[in-house]
PDB file of all heavy atoms in Angstrom:
ATOM      1  N   VAL A   1      34.290 -64.925   3.396  1.00  0.00           N
ATOM      2  CA  VAL A   1      33.140 -65.735   3.745  1.00  0.00           C
ATOM      3  C   VAL A   1      32.268 -66.023   2.444  1.00  0.00           C
ATOM      4  O   VAL A   1      31.735 -67.136   2.380  1.00  0.00           O
ATOM      5  CB  VAL A   1      32.249 -64.916   4.726  1.00  0.00           C
ATOM      6  CG1 VAL A   1      30.993 -65.702   5.039  1.00  0.00           C
ATOM      7  CG2 VAL A   1      33.085 -64.801   6.052  1.00  0.00           C
ATOM      8  N   ALA A   2      32.208 -65.061   1.548  1.00  0.00           N
ATOM      9  CA  ALA A   2      31.547 -65.281   0.303  1.00  0.00           C
ATOM     10  C   ALA A   2      32.079 -66.376  -0.495  1.00  0.00           C
ATOM     11  O   ALA A   2      31.352 -67.239  -1.042  1.00  0.00           O
ATOM     12  CB  ALA A   2      31.516 -63.976  -0.531  1.00  0.00           C
ATOM     13  N   ALA A   3      33.441 -66.451  -0.595  1.00  0.00           N
ATOM     14  CA  ALA A   3      34.100 -67.555  -1.312  1.00  0.00           C
ATOM     15  C   ALA A   3      33.753 -68.880  -0.721  1.00  0.00           C
ATOM     16  O   ALA A   3      33.486 -69.847  -1.444  1.00  0.00           O
ATOM     17  CB  ALA A   3      35.628 -67.246  -1.393  1.00  0.00           C
ATOM     18  N   LEU A   4      33.858 -68.961   0.563  1.00  0.00           N
ATOM     19  CA  LEU A   4      33.445 -70.211   1.269  1.00  0.00           C
ATOM     20  C   LEU A   4      32.039 -70.637   1.113  1.00  0.00           C
ATOM     21  O   LEU A   4      31.762 -71.796   0.882  1.00  0.00           O
ATOM     22  CB  LEU A   4      33.784 -70.091   2.787  1.00  0.00           C
ATOM     23  CG  LEU A   4      35.265 -69.958   3.166  1.00  0.00           C
ATOM     24  CD1 LEU A   4      35.368 -69.678   4.661  1.00  0.00           C
ATOM     25  CD2 LEU A   4      35.960 -71.279   2.862  1.00  0.00           C
ATOM     26  N   ALA A   5      31.115 -69.657   1.140  1.00  0.00           N
ATOM     27  CA  ALA A   5      29.726 -69.995   0.904  1.00  0.00           C
ATOM     28  C   ALA A   5      29.479 -70.547  -0.469  1.00  0.00           C
ATOM     29  O   ALA A   5      28.755 -71.503  -0.682  1.00  0.00           O
ATOM     30  CB  ALA A   5      28.875 -68.706   1.077  1.00  0.00           C
ATOM     31  N   SER A   6      30.129 -69.921  -1.446  1.00  0.00           N
ATOM     32  CA  SER A   6      29.937 -70.441  -2.828  1.00  0.00           C
ATOM     33  C   SER A   6      30.493 -71.863  -2.979  1.00  0.00           C
ATOM     34  O   SER A   6      29.935 -72.649  -3.747  1.00  0.00           O
ATOM     35  CB  SER A   6      30.597 -69.453  -3.837  1.00  0.00           C
ATOM     36  OG  SER A   6      30.014 -68.210  -3.804  1.00  0.00           O
ATOM     37  N   LEU A   7      31.612 -72.122  -2.387  1.00  0.00           N
ATOM     38  CA  LEU A   7      32.253 -73.459  -2.471  1.00  0.00           C
ATOM     39  C   LEU A   7      31.337 -74.476  -1.809  1.00  0.00           C
ATOM     40  O   LEU A   7      31.126 -75.621  -2.291  1.00  0.00           O
ATOM     41  CB  LEU A   7      33.612 -73.467  -1.775  1.00  0.00           C
ATOM     42  CG  LEU A   7      34.686 -72.764  -2.516  1.00  0.00           C
ATOM     43  CD1 LEU A   7      35.957 -72.777  -1.697  1.00  0.00           C
ATOM     44  CD2 LEU A   7      35.027 -73.507  -3.823  1.00  0.00           C
ATOM     45  N   ALA A   8      30.701 -74.014  -0.715  1.00  0.00           N
ATOM     46  CA  ALA A   8      29.745 -75.021  -0.006  1.00  0.00           C
ATOM     47  C   ALA A   8      28.542 -75.259  -0.836  1.00  0.00           C
ATOM     48  O   ALA A   8      28.083 -76.426  -1.014  1.00  0.00           O
ATOM     49  CB  ALA A   8      29.323 -74.361   1.325  1.00  0.00           C
ATOM     50  N   PHE A   9      27.975 -74.277  -1.526  1.00  0.00           N
ATOM     51  CA  PHE A   9      26.877 -74.488  -2.432  1.00  0.00           C
ATOM     52  C   PHE A   9      27.276 -75.395  -3.617  1.00  0.00           C
ATOM     53  O   PHE A   9      26.561 -76.257  -4.085  1.00  0.00           O
ATOM     54  CB  PHE A   9      26.327 -73.187  -2.931  1.00  0.00           C
ATOM     55  CG  PHE A   9      25.359 -72.491  -2.040  1.00  0.00           C
ATOM     56  CD1 PHE A   9      25.570 -71.262  -1.552  1.00  0.00           C
ATOM     57  CD2 PHE A   9      24.140 -73.172  -1.687  1.00  0.00           C
ATOM     58  CE1 PHE A   9      24.667 -70.628  -0.716  1.00  0.00           C
ATOM     59  CE2 PHE A   9      23.196 -72.495  -0.851  1.00  0.00           C
ATOM     60  CZ  PHE A   9      23.489 -71.279  -0.351  1.00  0.00           C
ATOM     61  N   ALA A  10      28.514 -75.148  -4.091  1.00  0.00           N
ATOM     62  CA  ALA A  10      29.004 -75.929  -5.343  1.00  0.00           C
ATOM     63  C   ALA A  10      29.080 -77.399  -5.025  1.00  0.00           C
ATOM     64  O   ALA A  10      28.678 -78.209  -5.898  1.00  0.00           O
ATOM     65  CB  ALA A  10      30.363 -75.347  -5.725  1.00  0.00           C
ATOM     66  N   TYR A  11      29.501 -77.796  -3.876  1.00  0.00           N
ATOM     67  CA  TYR A  11      29.787 -79.197  -3.546  1.00  0.00           C
ATOM     68  C   TYR A  11      28.685 -79.750  -2.601  1.00  0.00           C
ATOM     69  O   TYR A  11      28.963 -80.935  -2.182  1.00  0.00           O
ATOM     70  CB  TYR A  11      31.173 -79.330  -3.027  1.00  0.00           C
ATOM     71  CG  TYR A  11      32.222 -79.020  -4.062  1.00  0.00           C
ATOM     72  CD1 TYR A  11      32.977 -77.838  -3.942  1.00  0.00           C
ATOM     73  CD2 TYR A  11      32.390 -79.774  -5.172  1.00  0.00           C
ATOM     74  CE1 TYR A  11      33.894 -77.487  -4.975  1.00  0.00           C
ATOM     75  CE2 TYR A  11      33.345 -79.473  -6.181  1.00  0.00           C
ATOM     76  CZ  TYR A  11      34.133 -78.334  -6.049  1.00  0.00           C
ATOM     77  OH  TYR A  11      35.032 -78.008  -7.026  1.00  0.00           O
ATOM     78  N   ALA A  12      27.704 -79.065  -2.183  1.00  0.00           N
ATOM     79  CA  ALA A  12      26.734 -79.602  -1.342  1.00  0.00           C
ATOM     80  C   ALA A  12      26.032 -80.791  -1.911  1.00  0.00           C
ATOM     81  O   ALA A  12      25.504 -80.753  -3.028  1.00  0.00           O
ATOM     82  CB  ALA A  12      25.682 -78.529  -0.980  1.00  0.00           C
ATOM     83  N   GLN A  13      25.930 -81.810  -1.187  1.00  0.00           N
ATOM     84  CA  GLN A  13      25.226 -83.091  -1.580  1.00  0.00           C
ATOM     85  C   GLN A  13      24.226 -83.547  -0.582  1.00  0.00           C
ATOM     86  O   GLN A  13      23.358 -84.329  -0.891  1.00  0.00           O
ATOM     87  CB  GLN A  13      26.239 -84.206  -1.848  1.00  0.00           C
ATOM     88  CG  GLN A  13      27.254 -84.029  -2.978  1.00  0.00           C
ATOM     89  CD  GLN A  13      26.507 -83.875  -4.357  1.00  0.00           C
ATOM     90  OE1 GLN A  13      25.517 -84.565  -4.584  1.00  0.00           O
ATOM     91  NE2 GLN A  13      27.006 -83.024  -5.179  1.00  0.00           N
ATOM     92  N   GLY A  14      24.356 -83.046   0.706  1.00  0.00           N
ATOM     93  CA  GLY A  14      23.432 -83.454   1.695  1.00  0.00           C
ATOM     94  C   GLY A  14      22.979 -82.249   2.500  1.00  0.00           C
ATOM     95  O   GLY A  14      23.325 -81.092   2.265  1.00  0.00           O
ATOM     96  N   LEU A  15      22.081 -82.497   3.468  1.00  0.00           N
ATOM     97  CA  LEU A  15      21.489 -81.479   4.271  1.00  0.00           C
ATOM     98  C   LEU A  15      22.423 -80.621   5.054  1.00  0.00           C
ATOM     99  O   LEU A  15      22.368 -79.392   5.098  1.00  0.00           O
ATOM    100  CB  LEU A  15      20.452 -82.090   5.200  1.00  0.00           C
ATOM    101  CG  LEU A  15      19.628 -81.149   6.114  1.00  0.00           C
ATOM    102  CD1 LEU A  15      18.883 -80.148   5.259  1.00  0.00           C
ATOM    103  CD2 LEU A  15      18.739 -81.890   7.085  1.00  0.00           C
ATOM    104  N   ALA A  16      23.459 -81.250   5.761  1.00  0.00           N
ATOM    105  CA  ALA A  16      24.362 -80.563   6.601  1.00  0.00           C
ATOM    106  C   ALA A  16      25.134 -79.464   5.769  1.00  0.00           C
ATOM    107  O   ALA A  16      25.274 -78.331   6.246  1.00  0.00           O
ATOM    108  CB  ALA A  16      25.279 -81.519   7.305  1.00  0.00           C
ATOM    109  N   THR A  17      25.708 -79.916   4.634  1.00  0.00           N
ATOM    110  CA  THR A  17      26.450 -78.952   3.865  1.00  0.00           C
ATOM    111  C   THR A  17      25.615 -77.862   3.318  1.00  0.00           C
ATOM    112  O   THR A  17      26.004 -76.700   3.196  1.00  0.00           O
ATOM    113  CB  THR A  17      27.176 -79.718   2.693  1.00  0.00           C
ATOM    114  OG1 THR A  17      27.903 -80.735   3.162  1.00  0.00           O
ATOM    115  CG2 THR A  17      28.138 -78.698   1.960  1.00  0.00           C
ATOM    116  N   LEU A  18      24.393 -78.163   2.874  1.00  0.00           N
ATOM    117  CA  LEU A  18      23.512 -77.181   2.405  1.00  0.00           C
ATOM    118  C   LEU A  18      23.134 -76.165   3.438  1.00  0.00           C
ATOM    119  O   LEU A  18      23.147 -74.904   3.219  1.00  0.00           O
ATOM    120  CB  LEU A  18      22.231 -77.816   1.820  1.00  0.00           C
ATOM    121  CG  LEU A  18      21.286 -76.899   1.049  1.00  0.00           C
ATOM    122  CD1 LEU A  18      21.986 -76.348  -0.188  1.00  0.00           C
ATOM    123  CD2 LEU A  18      20.058 -77.611   0.671  1.00  0.00           C
ATOM    124  N   ILE A  19      22.863 -76.639   4.701  1.00  0.00           N
ATOM    125  CA  ILE A  19      22.536 -75.695   5.787  1.00  0.00           C
ATOM    126  C   ILE A  19      23.785 -74.780   6.060  1.00  0.00           C
ATOM    127  O   ILE A  19      23.660 -73.570   6.212  1.00  0.00           O
ATOM    128  CB  ILE A  19      22.218 -76.463   7.086  1.00  0.00           C
ATOM    129  CG1 ILE A  19      20.818 -77.124   6.928  1.00  0.00           C
ATOM    130  CG2 ILE A  19      22.220 -75.583   8.333  1.00  0.00           C
ATOM    131  CD1 ILE A  19      20.398 -78.018   7.981  1.00  0.00           C
ATOM    132  N   GLY A  20      24.984 -75.383   6.053  1.00  0.00           N
ATOM    133  CA  GLY A  20      26.147 -74.638   6.234  1.00  0.00           C
ATOM    134  C   GLY A  20      26.375 -73.588   5.197  1.00  0.00           C
ATOM    135  O   GLY A  20      26.782 -72.387   5.492  1.00  0.00           O
ATOM    136  N   ALA A  21      26.004 -73.902   3.921  1.00  0.00           N
ATOM    137  CA  ALA A  21      26.128 -72.930   2.839  1.00  0.00           C
ATOM    138  C   ALA A  21      25.156 -71.737   3.016  1.00  0.00           C
ATOM    139  O   ALA A  21      25.563 -70.579   2.831  1.00  0.00           O
ATOM    140  CB  ALA A  21      25.800 -73.626   1.500  1.00  0.00           C
ATOM    141  N   PHE A  22      23.947 -72.032   3.422  1.00  0.00           N
ATOM    142  CA  PHE A  22      22.990 -70.971   3.739  1.00  0.00           C
ATOM    143  C   PHE A  22      23.444 -70.069   4.845  1.00  0.00           C
ATOM    144  O   PHE A  22      23.233 -68.824   4.921  1.00  0.00           O
ATOM    145  CB  PHE A  22      21.559 -71.547   3.932  1.00  0.00           C
ATOM    146  CG  PHE A  22      20.803 -71.726   2.622  1.00  0.00           C
ATOM    147  CD1 PHE A  22      20.704 -73.031   2.156  1.00  0.00           C
ATOM    148  CD2 PHE A  22      20.271 -70.709   2.018  1.00  0.00           C
ATOM    149  CE1 PHE A  22      20.036 -73.231   0.940  1.00  0.00           C
ATOM    150  CE2 PHE A  22      19.503 -70.881   0.868  1.00  0.00           C
ATOM    151  CZ  PHE A  22      19.444 -72.133   0.245  1.00  0.00           C
ATOM    152  N   VAL A  23      24.052 -70.714   5.915  1.00  0.00           N
ATOM    153  CA  VAL A  23      24.556 -69.896   7.079  1.00  0.00           C
ATOM    154  C   VAL A  23      25.588 -68.975   6.661  1.00  0.00           C
ATOM    155  O   VAL A  23      25.619 -67.789   6.950  1.00  0.00           O
ATOM    156  CB  VAL A  23      24.996 -70.879   8.153  1.00  0.00           C
ATOM    157  CG1 VAL A  23      25.783 -70.124   9.286  1.00  0.00           C
ATOM    158  CG2 VAL A  23      23.813 -71.600   8.774  1.00  0.00           C
ATOM    159  N   LEU A  24      26.627 -69.517   5.922  1.00  0.00           N
ATOM    160  CA  LEU A  24      27.687 -68.661   5.373  1.00  0.00           C
ATOM    161  C   LEU A  24      27.243 -67.551   4.413  1.00  0.00           C
ATOM    162  O   LEU A  24      27.674 -66.462   4.445  1.00  0.00           O
ATOM    163  CB  LEU A  24      28.761 -69.522   4.689  1.00  0.00           C
ATOM    164  CG  LEU A  24      29.584 -70.405   5.528  1.00  0.00           C
ATOM    165  CD1 LEU A  24      30.387 -71.412   4.685  1.00  0.00           C
ATOM    166  CD2 LEU A  24      30.543 -69.631   6.369  1.00  0.00           C
ATOM    167  N   TYR A  25      26.281 -67.945   3.663  1.00  0.00           N
ATOM    168  CA  TYR A  25      25.660 -66.940   2.703  1.00  0.00           C
ATOM    169  C   TYR A  25      24.993 -65.838   3.421  1.00  0.00           C
ATOM    170  O   TYR A  25      25.150 -64.663   3.098  1.00  0.00           O
ATOM    171  CB  TYR A  25      24.666 -67.701   1.762  1.00  0.00           C
ATOM    172  CG  TYR A  25      24.136 -66.843   0.645  1.00  0.00           C
ATOM    173  CD1 TYR A  25      24.975 -66.275  -0.366  1.00  0.00           C
ATOM    174  CD2 TYR A  25      22.721 -66.636   0.530  1.00  0.00           C
ATOM    175  CE1 TYR A  25      24.443 -65.522  -1.422  1.00  0.00           C
ATOM    176  CE2 TYR A  25      22.258 -65.831  -0.550  1.00  0.00           C
ATOM    177  CZ  TYR A  25      23.105 -65.340  -1.490  1.00  0.00           C
ATOM    178  OH  TYR A  25      22.586 -64.606  -2.520  1.00  0.00           O
ATOM    179  N   GLY A  26      24.310 -66.137   4.518  1.00  0.00           N
ATOM    180  CA  GLY A  26      23.673 -65.121   5.361  1.00  0.00           C
ATOM    181  C   GLY A  26      24.642 -64.206   6.015  1.00  0.00           C
ATOM    182  O   GLY A  26      24.471 -63.000   6.004  1.00  0.00           O
ATOM    183  N   LEU A  27      25.744 -64.754   6.525  1.00  0.00           N
ATOM    184  CA  LEU A  27      26.761 -63.991   7.139  1.00  0.00           C
ATOM    185  C   LEU A  27      27.444 -63.075   6.130  1.00  0.00           C
ATOM    186  O   LEU A  27      27.733 -61.906   6.452  1.00  0.00           O
ATOM    187  CB  LEU A  27      27.834 -64.970   7.795  1.00  0.00           C
ATOM    188  CG  LEU A  27      28.970 -64.269   8.649  1.00  0.00           C
ATOM    189  CD1 LEU A  27      28.355 -63.432   9.781  1.00  0.00           C
ATOM    190  CD2 LEU A  27      29.883 -65.302   9.140  1.00  0.00           C
ATOM    191  N   TYR A  28      27.778 -63.610   4.934  1.00  0.00           N
ATOM    192  CA  TYR A  28      28.373 -62.824   3.882  1.00  0.00           C
ATOM    193  C   TYR A  28      27.547 -61.641   3.468  1.00  0.00           C
ATOM    194  O   TYR A  28      27.984 -60.497   3.368  1.00  0.00           O
ATOM    195  CB  TYR A  28      28.693 -63.713   2.698  1.00  0.00           C
ATOM    196  CG  TYR A  28      28.716 -63.053   1.353  1.00  0.00           C
ATOM    197  CD1 TYR A  28      29.541 -61.942   1.089  1.00  0.00           C
ATOM    198  CD2 TYR A  28      27.817 -63.447   0.341  1.00  0.00           C
ATOM    199  CE1 TYR A  28      29.480 -61.294  -0.127  1.00  0.00           C
ATOM    200  CE2 TYR A  28      27.822 -62.861  -0.874  1.00  0.00           C
ATOM    201  CZ  TYR A  28      28.643 -61.797  -1.149  1.00  0.00           C
ATOM    202  OH  TYR A  28      28.637 -61.180  -2.361  1.00  0.00           O
ATOM    203  N   ILE A  29      26.195 -61.848   3.226  1.00  0.00           N
ATOM    204  CA  ILE A  29      25.380 -60.804   2.731  1.00  0.00           C
ATOM    205  C   ILE A  29      25.192 -59.723   3.855  1.00  0.00           C
ATOM    206  O   ILE A  29      25.155 -58.543   3.625  1.00  0.00           O
ATOM    207  CB  ILE A  29      23.977 -61.375   2.358  1.00  0.00           C
ATOM    208  CG1 ILE A  29      24.143 -62.370   1.208  1.00  0.00           C
ATOM    209  CG2 ILE A  29      23.057 -60.253   1.905  1.00  0.00           C
ATOM    210  CD1 ILE A  29      24.744 -61.726  -0.104  1.00  0.00           C
ATOM    211  N   ALA A  30      25.125 -60.212   5.140  1.00  0.00           N
ATOM    212  CA  ALA A  30      25.062 -59.270   6.259  1.00  0.00           C
ATOM    213  C   ALA A  30      26.279 -58.260   6.270  1.00  0.00           C
ATOM    214  O   ALA A  30      26.121 -57.060   6.546  1.00  0.00           O
ATOM    215  CB  ALA A  30      24.998 -59.968   7.566  1.00  0.00           C
TER     216      ALA A  30
END
């Protein structure tokens, strides 16, 4: 999940991808 979150942050260009990145990041840290 951490690897996916980082990829989402790396390539986020819009709101939807950025929200998805923060969701994955929250799940990973949990």
